Amino acid sequence: MALTNLPGPFDYNSTRNKLLLTEYGRNVQNMVKYIVALPTKEERNRYAQVVIDLMGFLNPHLRDVADFKHKLWDHLHIISGFQLDVDSPYPKPTEEAIHIKPEPLKYPNQRIKYKHYGKTIELMIEKAKAIEEPERKRHMVQAIANFMKMAYVQWNKDSVADEIILADLQYLSNGELRLEENINLNKVEFRANPYNAQSNNNQRRGSNQNQNNGGRNNNNGGRTNNQNNRNNNNNNQNNRNRNNGGAKKY
C-alpha cells in the first residue's frame, strides 16, 4: 500500500542559517532578514525601531551597559550581515572593526626577589629612593617597612623580628634605605581567614553529628539484640514447659 500525506523534509537547526547572535534567537534574525528585503527605507526604519525595542526587552541586562542603545543598533547591523540600509542614530559599524582581534596581553617576566613581599614593594622602594625631602622620605621608608612586616606575617603565618624586616629592606634597596635602630615597627599578628575557620567548624560539627548518629544506631542495635535474646529465652522456656507437660506418666 502506498504511503500518502507524509510530511515534507524536516527542518533541522543544522540545515538552517547560522545564528549570528544567539542571545536574540532565530525569530529576531528572521525579522531582521525580512526588514532587509523591504523595498522602502521608511518601512525599514519603522520596523527596525520595533526590532530594537524587542531586542532590548529580550536582553534587559544590557540596560546596565554604557551606551545601551548604541550597542543594540550595532547588534542589529551584525545580525543583518551589515546589509541593513536604515537611518541609524549611530554610525554603522564595519565588519572589519567587529572582527578585529585585541592585542595580546603582555605578562611581566621580571624576577621577584622575595615572593612574600611581592613586586609592589620593590616599586615602592624605588619611589622612596627618589624622594629628596628627608622627613618625607623617612615616613615613606617606615611605611614600607611596616607593610613588609605585615606581608611577611601573613605569608609565613608566624611572627617576625623587626631586625629581619630592616635587613630585607636594606638588601632590596641596595643599602640606600635604612631606619634608625630605636624605631619599632607596628605590631602585627597573624589572623586566619574567618571564612576558613567557619568552614572547618561546620565540618567538625558535621563529623561529630555523624559520630553521634552512629553511636545512637549502635545503641539501638544493642537494644535490639538484647530484645531478641530475651525473646529466644522465652521461646526456649515455653518449649521446655510443653515438653514436660506432654511427658507420659508411668
C-alpha atoms as a PDB file:
ATOM      1  CA  MET A   1       0.000   0.000   0.000  1.00  0.00           C
ATOM      2  CA  ALA A   2       1.419   3.369  -0.956  1.00  0.00           C
ATOM      3  CA  LEU A   3       2.005   5.851   1.822  1.00  0.00           C
ATOM      4  CA  THR A   4       0.346   9.231   1.258  1.00  0.00           C
ATOM      5  CA  ASN A   5       0.130  12.533   3.134  1.00  0.00           C
ATOM      6  CA  LEU A   6       3.649  12.162   4.531  1.00  0.00           C
ATOM      7  CA  PRO A   7       5.154  15.349   5.954  1.00  0.00           C
ATOM      8  CA  GLY A   8       7.817  17.131   3.961  1.00  0.00           C
ATOM      9  CA  PRO A   9      11.509  17.136   4.873  1.00  0.00           C
ATOM     10  CA  PHE A  10      12.157  18.006   8.487  1.00  0.00           C
ATOM     11  CA  ASP A  11      13.541  21.441   9.321  1.00  0.00           C
ATOM     12  CA  TYR A  12      16.611  20.833  11.485  1.00  0.00           C
ATOM     13  CA  ASN A  13      18.746  23.563  13.001  1.00  0.00           C
ATOM     14  CA  SER A  14      21.743  22.066  11.222  1.00  0.00           C
ATOM     15  CA  THR A  15      20.121  22.931   7.865  1.00  0.00           C
ATOM     16  CA  ARG A  16      19.182  26.482   8.841  1.00  0.00           C
ATOM     17  CA  ASN A  17      21.296  29.592   8.551  1.00  0.00           C
ATOM     18  CA  LYS A  18      23.813  30.109  11.335  1.00  0.00           C
ATOM     19  CA  LEU A  19      22.665  32.249  14.263  1.00  0.00           C
ATOM     20  CA  LEU A  20      24.882  35.306  14.252  1.00  0.00           C
ATOM     21  CA  LEU A  21      23.953  36.421  17.792  1.00  0.00           C
ATOM     22  CA  THR A  22      22.399  33.536  19.691  1.00  0.00           C
ATOM     23  CA  GLU A  23      21.208  35.658  22.616  1.00  0.00           C
ATOM     24  CA  TYR A  24      18.464  37.156  20.432  1.00  0.00           C
ATOM     25  CA  GLY A  25      17.219  33.894  18.947  1.00  0.00           C
ATOM     26  CA  ARG A  26      16.183  32.840  15.459  1.00  0.00           C
ATOM     27  CA  ASN A  27      12.926  34.798  15.369  1.00  0.00           C
ATOM     28  CA  VAL A  28      14.752  38.106  15.686  1.00  0.00           C
ATOM     29  CA  GLN A  29      17.162  37.056  12.955  1.00  0.00           C
ATOM     30  CA  ASN A  30      14.252  36.162  10.660  1.00  0.00           C
ATOM     31  CA  MET A  31      12.633  39.525  11.357  1.00  0.00           C
ATOM     32  CA  VAL A  32      15.860  41.349  10.516  1.00  0.00           C
ATOM     33  CA  LYS A  33      16.093  39.330   7.300  1.00  0.00           C
ATOM     34  CA  TYR A  34      12.538  40.454   6.464  1.00  0.00           C
ATOM     35  CA  ILE A  35      13.416  44.106   7.143  1.00  0.00           C
ATOM     36  CA  VAL A  36      16.436  43.947   4.841  1.00  0.00           C
ATOM     37  CA  ALA A  37      14.160  42.841   1.977  1.00  0.00           C
ATOM     38  CA  LEU A  38      11.640  45.685   2.433  1.00  0.00           C
ATOM     39  CA  PRO A  39      11.518  47.975  -0.614  1.00  0.00           C
ATOM     40  CA  THR A  40      11.421  51.428   1.027  1.00  0.00           C
ATOM     41  CA  LYS A  41      13.649  52.965   3.663  1.00  0.00           C
ATOM     42  CA  GLU A  42      10.637  54.368   5.500  1.00  0.00           C
ATOM     43  CA  GLU A  43       9.364  50.858   6.157  1.00  0.00           C
ATOM     44  CA  ARG A  44      12.811  49.620   7.112  1.00  0.00           C
ATOM     45  CA  ASN A  45      13.239  52.459   9.622  1.00  0.00           C
ATOM     46  CA  ARG A  46       9.845  51.790  11.217  1.00  0.00           C
ATOM     47  CA  TYR A  47      10.337  48.042  11.552  1.00  0.00           C
ATOM     48  CA  ALA A  48      13.958  48.411  12.662  1.00  0.00           C
ATOM     49  CA  GLN A  49      12.835  50.541  15.623  1.00  0.00           C
ATOM     50  CA  VAL A  50      10.334  47.826  16.605  1.00  0.00           C
ATOM     51  CA  VAL A  51      13.059  45.159  16.462  1.00  0.00           C
ATOM     52  CA  ILE A  52      15.396  47.377  18.535  1.00  0.00           C
ATOM     53  CA  ASP A  53      12.742  47.612  21.260  1.00  0.00           C
ATOM     54  CA  LEU A  54      12.252  43.844  21.128  1.00  0.00           C
ATOM     55  CA  MET A  55      15.993  43.200  21.384  1.00  0.00           C
ATOM     56  CA  GLY A  56      16.185  45.416  24.479  1.00  0.00           C
ATOM     57  CA  PHE A  57      13.268  43.523  26.019  1.00  0.00           C
ATOM     58  CA  LEU A  58      14.900  40.142  25.359  1.00  0.00           C
ATOM     59  CA  ASN A  59      18.190  41.215  26.956  1.00  0.00           C
ATOM     60  CA  PRO A  60      17.368  43.540  29.869  1.00  0.00           C
ATOM     61  CA  HIS A  61      20.856  43.069  31.358  1.00  0.00           C
ATOM     62  CA  LEU A  62      22.214  45.245  28.544  1.00  0.00           C
ATOM     63  CA  ARG A  63      20.429  48.221  30.092  1.00  0.00           C
ATOM     64  CA  ASP A  64      23.235  48.376  32.677  1.00  0.00           C
ATOM     65  CA  VAL A  65      25.819  48.713  29.901  1.00  0.00           C
ATOM     66  CA  ALA A  66      27.026  52.167  28.970  1.00  0.00           C
ATOM     67  CA  ASP A  67      25.520  53.466  25.703  1.00  0.00           C
ATOM     68  CA  PHE A  68      22.815  50.810  25.721  1.00  0.00           C
ATOM     69  CA  LYS A  69      21.041  51.912  22.515  1.00  0.00           C
ATOM     70  CA  HIS A  70      24.295  52.151  20.599  1.00  0.00           C
ATOM     71  CA  LYS A  71      25.094  48.527  21.381  1.00  0.00           C
ATOM     72  CA  LEU A  72      21.622  47.385  20.237  1.00  0.00           C
ATOM     73  CA  TRP A  73      21.979  49.157  16.895  1.00  0.00           C
ATOM     74  CA  ASP A  74      25.414  47.607  16.402  1.00  0.00           C
ATOM     75  CA  HIS A  75      23.915  44.174  17.101  1.00  0.00           C
ATOM     76  CA  LEU A  76      21.128  44.879  14.610  1.00  0.00           C
ATOM     77  CA  HIS A  77      23.658  45.576  11.862  1.00  0.00           C
ATOM     78  CA  ILE A  78      25.638  42.467  12.783  1.00  0.00           C
ATOM     79  CA  ILE A  79      22.521  40.272  12.599  1.00  0.00           C
ATOM     80  CA  SER A  80      21.716  41.701   9.156  1.00  0.00           C
ATOM     81  CA  GLY A  81      25.201  40.850   7.921  1.00  0.00           C
ATOM     82  CA  PHE A  82      25.851  44.602   7.534  1.00  0.00           C
ATOM     83  CA  GLN A  83      23.257  44.666   4.717  1.00  0.00           C
ATOM     84  CA  LEU A  84      20.595  46.752   6.509  1.00  0.00           C
ATOM     85  CA  ASP A  85      20.072  50.203   4.983  1.00  0.00           C
ATOM     86  CA  VAL A  86      18.340  52.321   7.649  1.00  0.00           C
ATOM     87  CA  ASP A  87      18.733  55.753   9.210  1.00  0.00           C
ATOM     88  CA  SER A  88      20.557  54.700  12.352  1.00  0.00           C
ATOM     89  CA  PRO A  89      21.146  57.286  15.102  1.00  0.00           C
ATOM     90  CA  TYR A  90      24.683  55.908  15.425  1.00  0.00           C
ATOM     91  CA  PRO A  91      27.446  55.293  12.883  1.00  0.00           C
ATOM     92  CA  LYS A  92      27.138  51.990  11.100  1.00  0.00           C
ATOM     93  CA  PRO A  93      29.885  49.598  12.229  1.00  0.00           C
ATOM     94  CA  THR A  94      32.149  47.925   9.725  1.00  0.00           C
ATOM     95  CA  GLU A  95      32.766  44.223   9.510  1.00  0.00           C
ATOM     96  CA  GLU A  96      36.500  44.743   9.898  1.00  0.00           C
ATOM     97  CA  ALA A  97      36.056  46.676  13.149  1.00  0.00           C
ATOM     98  CA  ILE A  98      33.773  43.988  14.602  1.00  0.00           C
ATOM     99  CA  HIS A  99      36.142  41.104  13.927  1.00  0.00           C
ATOM    100  CA  ILE A 100      39.356  42.856  14.886  1.00  0.00           C
ATOM    101  CA  LYS A 101      41.388  40.927  17.444  1.00  0.00           C
ATOM    102  CA  PRO A 102      42.747  42.644  20.551  1.00  0.00           C
ATOM    103  CA  GLU A 103      46.437  42.902  21.174  1.00  0.00           C
ATOM    104  CA  PRO A 104      47.828  40.051  23.275  1.00  0.00           C
ATOM    105  CA  LEU A 105      48.432  40.846  26.924  1.00  0.00           C
ATOM    106  CA  LYS A 106      51.994  41.426  27.964  1.00  0.00           C
ATOM    107  CA  TYR A 107      52.783  39.352  31.025  1.00  0.00           C
ATOM    108  CA  PRO A 108      55.570  40.541  33.325  1.00  0.00           C
ATOM    109  CA  ASN A 109      58.734  38.492  33.130  1.00  0.00           C
ATOM    110  CA  GLN A 110      60.582  40.313  35.884  1.00  0.00           C
ATOM    111  CA  ARG A 111      62.074  38.324  38.699  1.00  0.00           C
ATOM    112  CA  ILE A 112      60.735  38.973  42.206  1.00  0.00           C
ATOM    113  CA  LYS A 113      63.440  38.789  44.854  1.00  0.00           C
ATOM    114  CA  TYR A 114      61.095  37.944  47.756  1.00  0.00           C
ATOM    115  CA  LYS A 115      57.739  36.464  46.802  1.00  0.00           C
ATOM    116  CA  HIS A 116      56.189  37.186  50.198  1.00  0.00           C
ATOM    117  CA  TYR A 117      56.827  40.913  49.661  1.00  0.00           C
ATOM    118  CA  GLY A 118      55.806  40.980  46.020  1.00  0.00           C
ATOM    119  CA  LYS A 119      56.763  43.268  43.176  1.00  0.00           C
ATOM    120  CA  THR A 120      54.829  46.228  44.585  1.00  0.00           C
ATOM    121  CA  ILE A 121      57.280  46.579  47.480  1.00  0.00           C
ATOM    122  CA  GLU A 122      60.185  46.777  45.071  1.00  0.00           C
ATOM    123  CA  LEU A 123      58.419  49.539  43.122  1.00  0.00           C
ATOM    124  CA  MET A 124      57.658  51.428  46.347  1.00  0.00           C
ATOM    125  CA  ILE A 125      61.299  51.187  47.367  1.00  0.00           C
ATOM    126  CA  GLU A 126      62.390  52.667  44.039  1.00  0.00           C
ATOM    127  CA  LYS A 127      59.925  55.531  44.551  1.00  0.00           C
ATOM    128  CA  ALA A 128      61.205  56.141  48.063  1.00  0.00           C
ATOM    129  CA  LYS A 129      64.801  56.236  46.865  1.00  0.00           C
ATOM    130  CA  ALA A 130      63.907  59.109  44.551  1.00  0.00           C
ATOM    131  CA  ILE A 131      62.414  61.271  47.344  1.00  0.00           C
ATOM    132  CA  GLU A 132      64.698  64.172  48.252  1.00  0.00           C
ATOM    133  CA  GLU A 133      62.917  65.593  51.326  1.00  0.00           C
ATOM    134  CA  PRO A 134      64.467  63.852  54.378  1.00  0.00           C
ATOM    135  CA  GLU A 135      61.371  63.918  56.602  1.00  0.00           C
ATOM    136  CA  ARG A 136      59.018  62.725  53.872  1.00  0.00           C
ATOM    137  CA  LYS A 137      61.497  60.049  52.877  1.00  0.00           C
ATOM    138  CA  ARG A 138      61.757  58.806  56.472  1.00  0.00           C
ATOM    139  CA  HIS A 139      57.979  58.448  56.784  1.00  0.00           C
ATOM    140  CA  MET A 140      57.847  56.661  53.438  1.00  0.00           C
ATOM    141  CA  VAL A 141      60.553  54.191  54.425  1.00  0.00           C
ATOM    142  CA  GLN A 142      58.862  53.440  57.752  1.00  0.00           C
ATOM    143  CA  ALA A 143      55.541  52.835  55.992  1.00  0.00           C
ATOM    144  CA  ILE A 144      57.259  50.443  53.592  1.00  0.00           C
ATOM    145  CA  ALA A 145      58.871  48.564  56.485  1.00  0.00           C
ATOM    146  CA  ASN A 146      55.502  48.204  58.276  1.00  0.00           C
ATOM    147  CA  PHE A 147      53.913  46.892  55.097  1.00  0.00           C
ATOM    148  CA  MET A 148      56.773  44.421  54.640  1.00  0.00           C
ATOM    149  CA  LYS A 149      56.249  43.128  58.172  1.00  0.00           C
ATOM    150  CA  MET A 150      52.524  42.633  57.597  1.00  0.00           C
ATOM    151  CA  ALA A 151      53.177  40.806  54.311  1.00  0.00           C
ATOM    152  CA  TYR A 152      55.811  38.600  55.958  1.00  0.00           C
ATOM    153  CA  VAL A 153      53.492  37.582  58.809  1.00  0.00           C
ATOM    154  CA  GLN A 154      50.557  36.845  56.512  1.00  0.00           C
ATOM    155  CA  TRP A 155      52.705  34.787  54.161  1.00  0.00           C
ATOM    156  CA  ASN A 156      54.609  32.747  56.753  1.00  0.00           C
ATOM    157  CA  LYS A 157      51.766  32.653  59.336  1.00  0.00           C
ATOM    158  CA  ASP A 158      54.261  33.423  62.074  1.00  0.00           C
ATOM    159  CA  SER A 159      55.761  36.407  63.873  1.00  0.00           C
ATOM    160  CA  VAL A 160      58.966  38.042  62.726  1.00  0.00           C
ATOM    161  CA  ALA A 161      61.613  40.193  64.387  1.00  0.00           C
ATOM    162  CA  ASP A 162      61.997  43.799  63.266  1.00  0.00           C
ATOM    163  CA  GLU A 163      65.696  43.182  62.576  1.00  0.00           C
ATOM    164  CA  ILE A 164      64.810  40.735  59.769  1.00  0.00           C
ATOM    165  CA  ILE A 165      62.485  43.249  58.110  1.00  0.00           C
ATOM    166  CA  LEU A 166      65.076  46.033  58.318  1.00  0.00           C
ATOM    167  CA  ALA A 167      67.744  43.736  56.878  1.00  0.00           C
ATOM    168  CA  ASP A 168      65.480  42.781  53.967  1.00  0.00           C
ATOM    169  CA  LEU A 169      64.679  46.467  53.377  1.00  0.00           C
ATOM    170  CA  GLN A 170      68.339  47.308  53.227  1.00  0.00           C
ATOM    171  CA  TYR A 171      69.003  44.444  50.821  1.00  0.00           C
ATOM    172  CA  LEU A 172      66.114  45.336  48.477  1.00  0.00           C
ATOM    173  CA  SER A 173      67.202  48.990  48.368  1.00  0.00           C
ATOM    174  CA  ASN A 174      70.865  48.093  47.797  1.00  0.00           C
ATOM    175  CA  GLY A 175      71.748  49.708  51.115  1.00  0.00           C
ATOM    176  CA  GLU A 176      70.179  53.092  50.302  1.00  0.00           C
ATOM    177  CA  LEU A 177      67.173  52.908  52.669  1.00  0.00           C
ATOM    178  CA  ARG A 178      67.642  52.466  56.392  1.00  0.00           C
ATOM    179  CA  LEU A 179      65.719  53.171  59.576  1.00  0.00           C
ATOM    180  CA  GLU A 180      67.035  54.268  62.916  1.00  0.00           C
ATOM    181  CA  GLU A 181      67.771  51.444  65.325  1.00  0.00           C
ATOM    182  CA  ASN A 182      65.434  52.764  68.054  1.00  0.00           C
ATOM    183  CA  ILE A 183      62.354  52.752  65.781  1.00  0.00           C
ATOM    184  CA  ASN A 184      59.923  49.922  66.415  1.00  0.00           C
ATOM    185  CA  LEU A 185      57.676  48.690  63.662  1.00  0.00           C
ATOM    186  CA  ASN A 186      53.965  48.144  64.109  1.00  0.00           C
ATOM    187  CA  LYS A 187      52.938  45.024  65.985  1.00  0.00           C
ATOM    188  CA  VAL A 188      51.418  42.520  63.570  1.00  0.00           C
ATOM    189  CA  GLU A 189      49.715  39.233  64.457  1.00  0.00           C
ATOM    190  CA  PHE A 190      48.621  36.555  62.040  1.00  0.00           C
ATOM    191  CA  ARG A 191      44.853  36.379  61.589  1.00  0.00           C
ATOM    192  CA  ALA A 192      43.315  33.327  59.992  1.00  0.00           C
ATOM    193  CA  ASN A 193      40.623  33.737  57.383  1.00  0.00           C
ATOM    194  CA  PRO A 194      37.271  33.732  59.280  1.00  0.00           C
ATOM    195  CA  TYR A 195      35.545  32.020  56.371  1.00  0.00           C
ATOM    196  CA  ASN A 196      38.004  29.121  56.503  1.00  0.00           C
ATOM    197  CA  ALA A 197      37.589  28.854  60.269  1.00  0.00           C
ATOM    198  CA  GLN A 198      33.809  28.802  59.932  1.00  0.00           C
ATOM    199  CA  SER A 199      34.067  26.127  57.252  1.00  0.00           C
ATOM    200  CA  ASN A 200      36.302  23.997  59.482  1.00  0.00           C
ATOM    201  CA  ASN A 201      33.865  24.380  62.392  1.00  0.00           C
ATOM    202  CA  ASN A 202      30.979  23.284  60.184  1.00  0.00           C
ATOM    203  CA  GLN A 203      32.969  20.248  59.080  1.00  0.00           C
ATOM    204  CA  ARG A 204      33.781  19.345  62.685  1.00  0.00           C
ATOM    205  CA  ARG A 205      30.140  19.741  63.711  1.00  0.00           C
ATOM    206  CA  GLY A 206      29.084  17.545  60.820  1.00  0.00           C
ATOM    207  CA  SER A 207      31.648  14.902  61.775  1.00  0.00           C
ATOM    208  CA  ASN A 208      30.569  14.933  65.432  1.00  0.00           C
ATOM    209  CA  GLN A 209      26.919  14.663  64.406  1.00  0.00           C
ATOM    210  CA  ASN A 210      27.698  11.658  62.216  1.00  0.00           C
ATOM    211  CA  GLN A 211      29.578  10.030  65.087  1.00  0.00           C
ATOM    212  CA  ASN A 212      26.674  10.673  67.477  1.00  0.00           C
ATOM    213  CA  ASN A 213      24.239   9.235  64.981  1.00  0.00           C
ATOM    214  CA  GLY A 214      26.492   6.217  64.599  1.00  0.00           C
ATOM    215  CA  GLY A 215      26.600   5.797  68.370  1.00  0.00           C
ATOM    216  CA  ARG A 216      22.842   6.006  68.645  1.00  0.00           C
ATOM    217  CA  ASN A 217      22.499   3.471  65.872  1.00  0.00           C
ATOM    218  CA  ASN A 218      24.893   1.154  67.693  1.00  0.00           C
ATOM    219  CA  ASN A 219      22.931   1.570  70.926  1.00  0.00           C
ATOM    220  CA  ASN A 220      19.708   0.825  69.115  1.00  0.00           C
ATOM    221  CA  GLY A 221      21.357  -2.228  67.610  1.00  0.00           C
ATOM    222  CA  GLY A 222      22.424  -3.375  71.086  1.00  0.00           C
ATOM    223  CA  ARG A 223      18.918  -2.937  72.494  1.00  0.00           C
ATOM    224  CA  THR A 224      17.530  -4.850  69.547  1.00  0.00           C
ATOM    225  CA  ASN A 225      19.947  -7.725  70.161  1.00  0.00           C
ATOM    226  CA  ASN A 226      19.045  -7.822  73.857  1.00  0.00           C
ATOM    227  CA  GLN A 227      15.341  -7.928  72.998  1.00  0.00           C
ATOM    228  CA  ASN A 228      15.960 -10.773  70.539  1.00  0.00           C
ATOM    229  CA  ASN A 229      17.894 -12.704  73.187  1.00  0.00           C
ATOM    230  CA  ARG A 230      15.035 -12.290  75.691  1.00  0.00           C
ATOM    231  CA  ASN A 231      12.524 -13.487  73.098  1.00  0.00           C
ATOM    232  CA  ASN A 232      14.665 -16.548  72.337  1.00  0.00           C
ATOM    233  CA  ASN A 233      14.929 -17.397  76.047  1.00  0.00           C
ATOM    234  CA  ASN A 234      11.155 -17.122  76.441  1.00  0.00           C
ATOM    235  CA  ASN A 235      10.605 -19.396  73.436  1.00  0.00           C
ATOM    236  CA  ASN A 236      13.039 -21.971  74.831  1.00  0.00           C
ATOM    237  CA  GLN A 237      11.276 -21.896  78.234  1.00  0.00           C
ATOM    238  CA  ASN A 238       7.884 -22.366  76.574  1.00  0.00           C
ATOM    239  CA  ASN A 239       9.203 -25.331  74.602  1.00  0.00           C
ATOM    240  CA  ARG A 240      10.562 -26.976  77.751  1.00  0.00           C
ATOM    241  CA  ASN A 241       7.255 -26.460  79.530  1.00  0.00           C
ATOM    242  CA  ARG A 242       5.340 -28.060  76.662  1.00  0.00           C
ATOM    243  CA  ASN A 243       7.728 -30.996  76.604  1.00  0.00           C
ATOM    244  CA  ASN A 244       7.419 -31.536  80.368  1.00  0.00           C
ATOM    245  CA  GLY A 245       3.632 -31.278  80.276  1.00  0.00           C
ATOM    246  CA  GLY A 246       3.377 -33.747  77.436  1.00  0.00           C
ATOM    247  CA  ALA A 247       5.636 -36.410  79.052  1.00  0.00           C
ATOM    248  CA  LYS A 248       3.948 -39.719  79.821  1.00  0.00           C
ATOM    249  CA  LYS A 249       3.417 -40.617  83.453  1.00  0.00           C
ATOM    250  CA  TYR A 250       4.199 -44.222  84.433  1.00  0.00           C
END
